[in-house]
Amino acid sequence: MRIILSAAVALAFVLTAPAGASELSLSNELKAHPSPYLAQHGDDPVAWQEWNERVFEKARADNKLVYVSVGYFSCHWCHVMQRESYNDARIASQLNRDFIPVKVDRELEPALDDALMAFVQRTQGRGGWPLNVFLTPEGYPLYAVLYVPPDSFAQVVEKIQALWREDPARMAEIARQAGPDGYAEQGAPFEKTQVATLGNAFEQIALSIADTMEGGFGNQARFPYAPQLSFLLERYAERPSANVREVLETSLDAMGRRGLHDHVEGGFFRYTVDPSWSVPHFEKMLYDNAQLALLYLKAANVLGREDYRAVGFATLDFLLARMQSADGGFVASLSAVDDQQREGAYYLYDNETLAASLNAQELAVTRKIWNLPDAPAFEFGHLLSNQAPVEWVASELKLEIDETIALVISAMQKLKTLRAARNLPVDEKRLAGWNALALKAFVEGARQSGEPRYAAAAEEIKAYLAGTLWQGGRLYRARADGRALGTVSLADYAYVADALLAYGDWRSSEADIALAHEIVAAAWRDFHHANGWRRETESLLKGADLEEMLRDETLEAPDAALISLSLRLADERGDAALAAQARGALRRGYDTLLTDAFFYPSRIRALALTLKE
């Protein structure tokens, strides 16, 4: 498809936009929307519509393409594209005249986002946000574009419209034929030797792509890869290996000690753009921090590292301080840009601010312990990362160690106080699946520490999930002002059920365990079909309805999470039908798992559970 579309787009250079086309009789629907991301587009001159069936009814009636722009509140480049392109009158006129423009909050429509991301990765070999896709009136993806400057974007919009105007039937057929391959027939159960081979394949791939100097995996941007590290930690606990321990410790040390971690307020950024973990993308996501808090707490036990436990507890404290809402749920994210639209400025300190805020000794210790260069590495100042040993700093400055520690503490408190006077936008959505991840983290924190504040947080999240987002035998992705927000996904059901089981086991609550079982049953009923999984119950997007099995990316694969949870519940409650259903969903995909094992650790874990029954 990429070759066909690329050739077609190249031919469109000679074409021009249609003359005399009239503006759509649509207006921007997003003003005052409960989603902060959608609401911030409410004053754009683009006539943004919400994602719903009416969009396609209009598109079919007018024979127009649907332009879907997917982003999220804390995304820096989403803000940039809004400022440069969506507030440009000429571009807005193009979109309003020739397309049905739709704005989507990816955090409210995770299944749609996953499907469109799979499309752009399949056709262009890369992905990211803002993710912009042209759909046919039937709902098939035709072409995708990520962030581009406004002049280039205007050219893309014009060329796609020219192609559609020239031969809409041919373009629609191209889109219909470009879906993913079909699914394999269900096979026989995996043998014990096969499952062991898959586990070994995962470990070998992880070791081969691990960077044991800098930590993490790959050779470019650095993502936490919490699902992979968690599985590697489990394997190490079962069969200790010096090589695996090295990968775990270099990765956990780098994430906790360098620029992925906010050393002033706590918490983790989403990823770093460089392999040395020094230049973060400055958004902070609930799902990252929940997963990493749990990972560090588990690593503390397995690896015997109390400093990891401290990182886990500090991350829970950050979540309580900055991301908990009054209703007990936790917000989705903190923005990458401050209230003046400056990327990272909330977290940075320029030389003038440091000199004015710290005394001479504090300033000297701060510059030395954080290895601050004369000129800041970022536009708006220094980021505190790559901490030097206190003993070395004390020796360099000819200070006692205790004195050096006291100066570090006093300086950090002053810098934290400076932050309190700054403003950072918050995405207030409380999402079901992400809050479930936070619930599991706080349950583990309470188990390990006995801290009442962690237990209280777990109880409040559980109450929010069970009382606000689960109603009438149905789970909601999010709710605000008495209305449902977004489309609930398989991931929401799987993560919420898993967290409720963890909570029920911790509190010895049969009611919560029973609720977990009820949600599991609903997930199998609504999301699983003979040939694969739906990420959502129904989709307006065509061509990607069923998937054979899902990958572990930034989050655990929801199908594998549901299967593992089902096997555990079936064993505890003697539910033979649920066990058979779970085992049956695992009988395919061996070759894919073997060659791409790094992205399927949760499925390999589920397969291993079938052998323990």
Foldseek 3Di string as FASTA:
>chain_A
DLVVVVVLLVVLVPPFFDPPFDFAPAAAPQPPNLFPVSNVCSPFLARADEDDLVQLVVCVVVQAKEKEWEDADQDLLVVVCCVQARNDPVNSRLCRRGHHYYYYYCLQAVQVVVQQQVVCCVNPVDGDPRKIFIAGSLFFTQDIDHDDGRVVVSSSSGSVSRSCVVPVVVSNVVRQPPFDDFFDAFFDFDDPVLLVLLLVLQVVVCLVQADLVQAAGHFWKHFLLLVLLQLLLVVCLVPNDPSSVSNNVNHLCQCQFFQQFQPQQTAGAGIAGGSNNHHGQQKGFLQLLLSQLQSLLSCCVSVVDVVSPVNSVSSLVSQVVPFADPQLFGFTIWHQAFPVSHGVLLQFDAPVRLPVQADPVLSLLQCVQQVADPHAPDPNHHHRGDGDDLVVSCVVVVHDSVVSVVSPVVSSVSVSVVSVPTGIDTRGWGFQLSLLSNLLSLLSVCVVPVDVVSVVSNVSSLCCQVPPQQPPLHGARTDDPHDGGHFQWLSSLLSNLVSLCSVCVSVVPPVSPVVSVSSLVVSCVQFDDSRAGARGRDDSRPSPGGDLFDWADSHAGSLLSSLQVLLVSCVVVVPVVSPVVSSSSLRDDSVVCSVVVNGHSSSSVSSVSNVVD
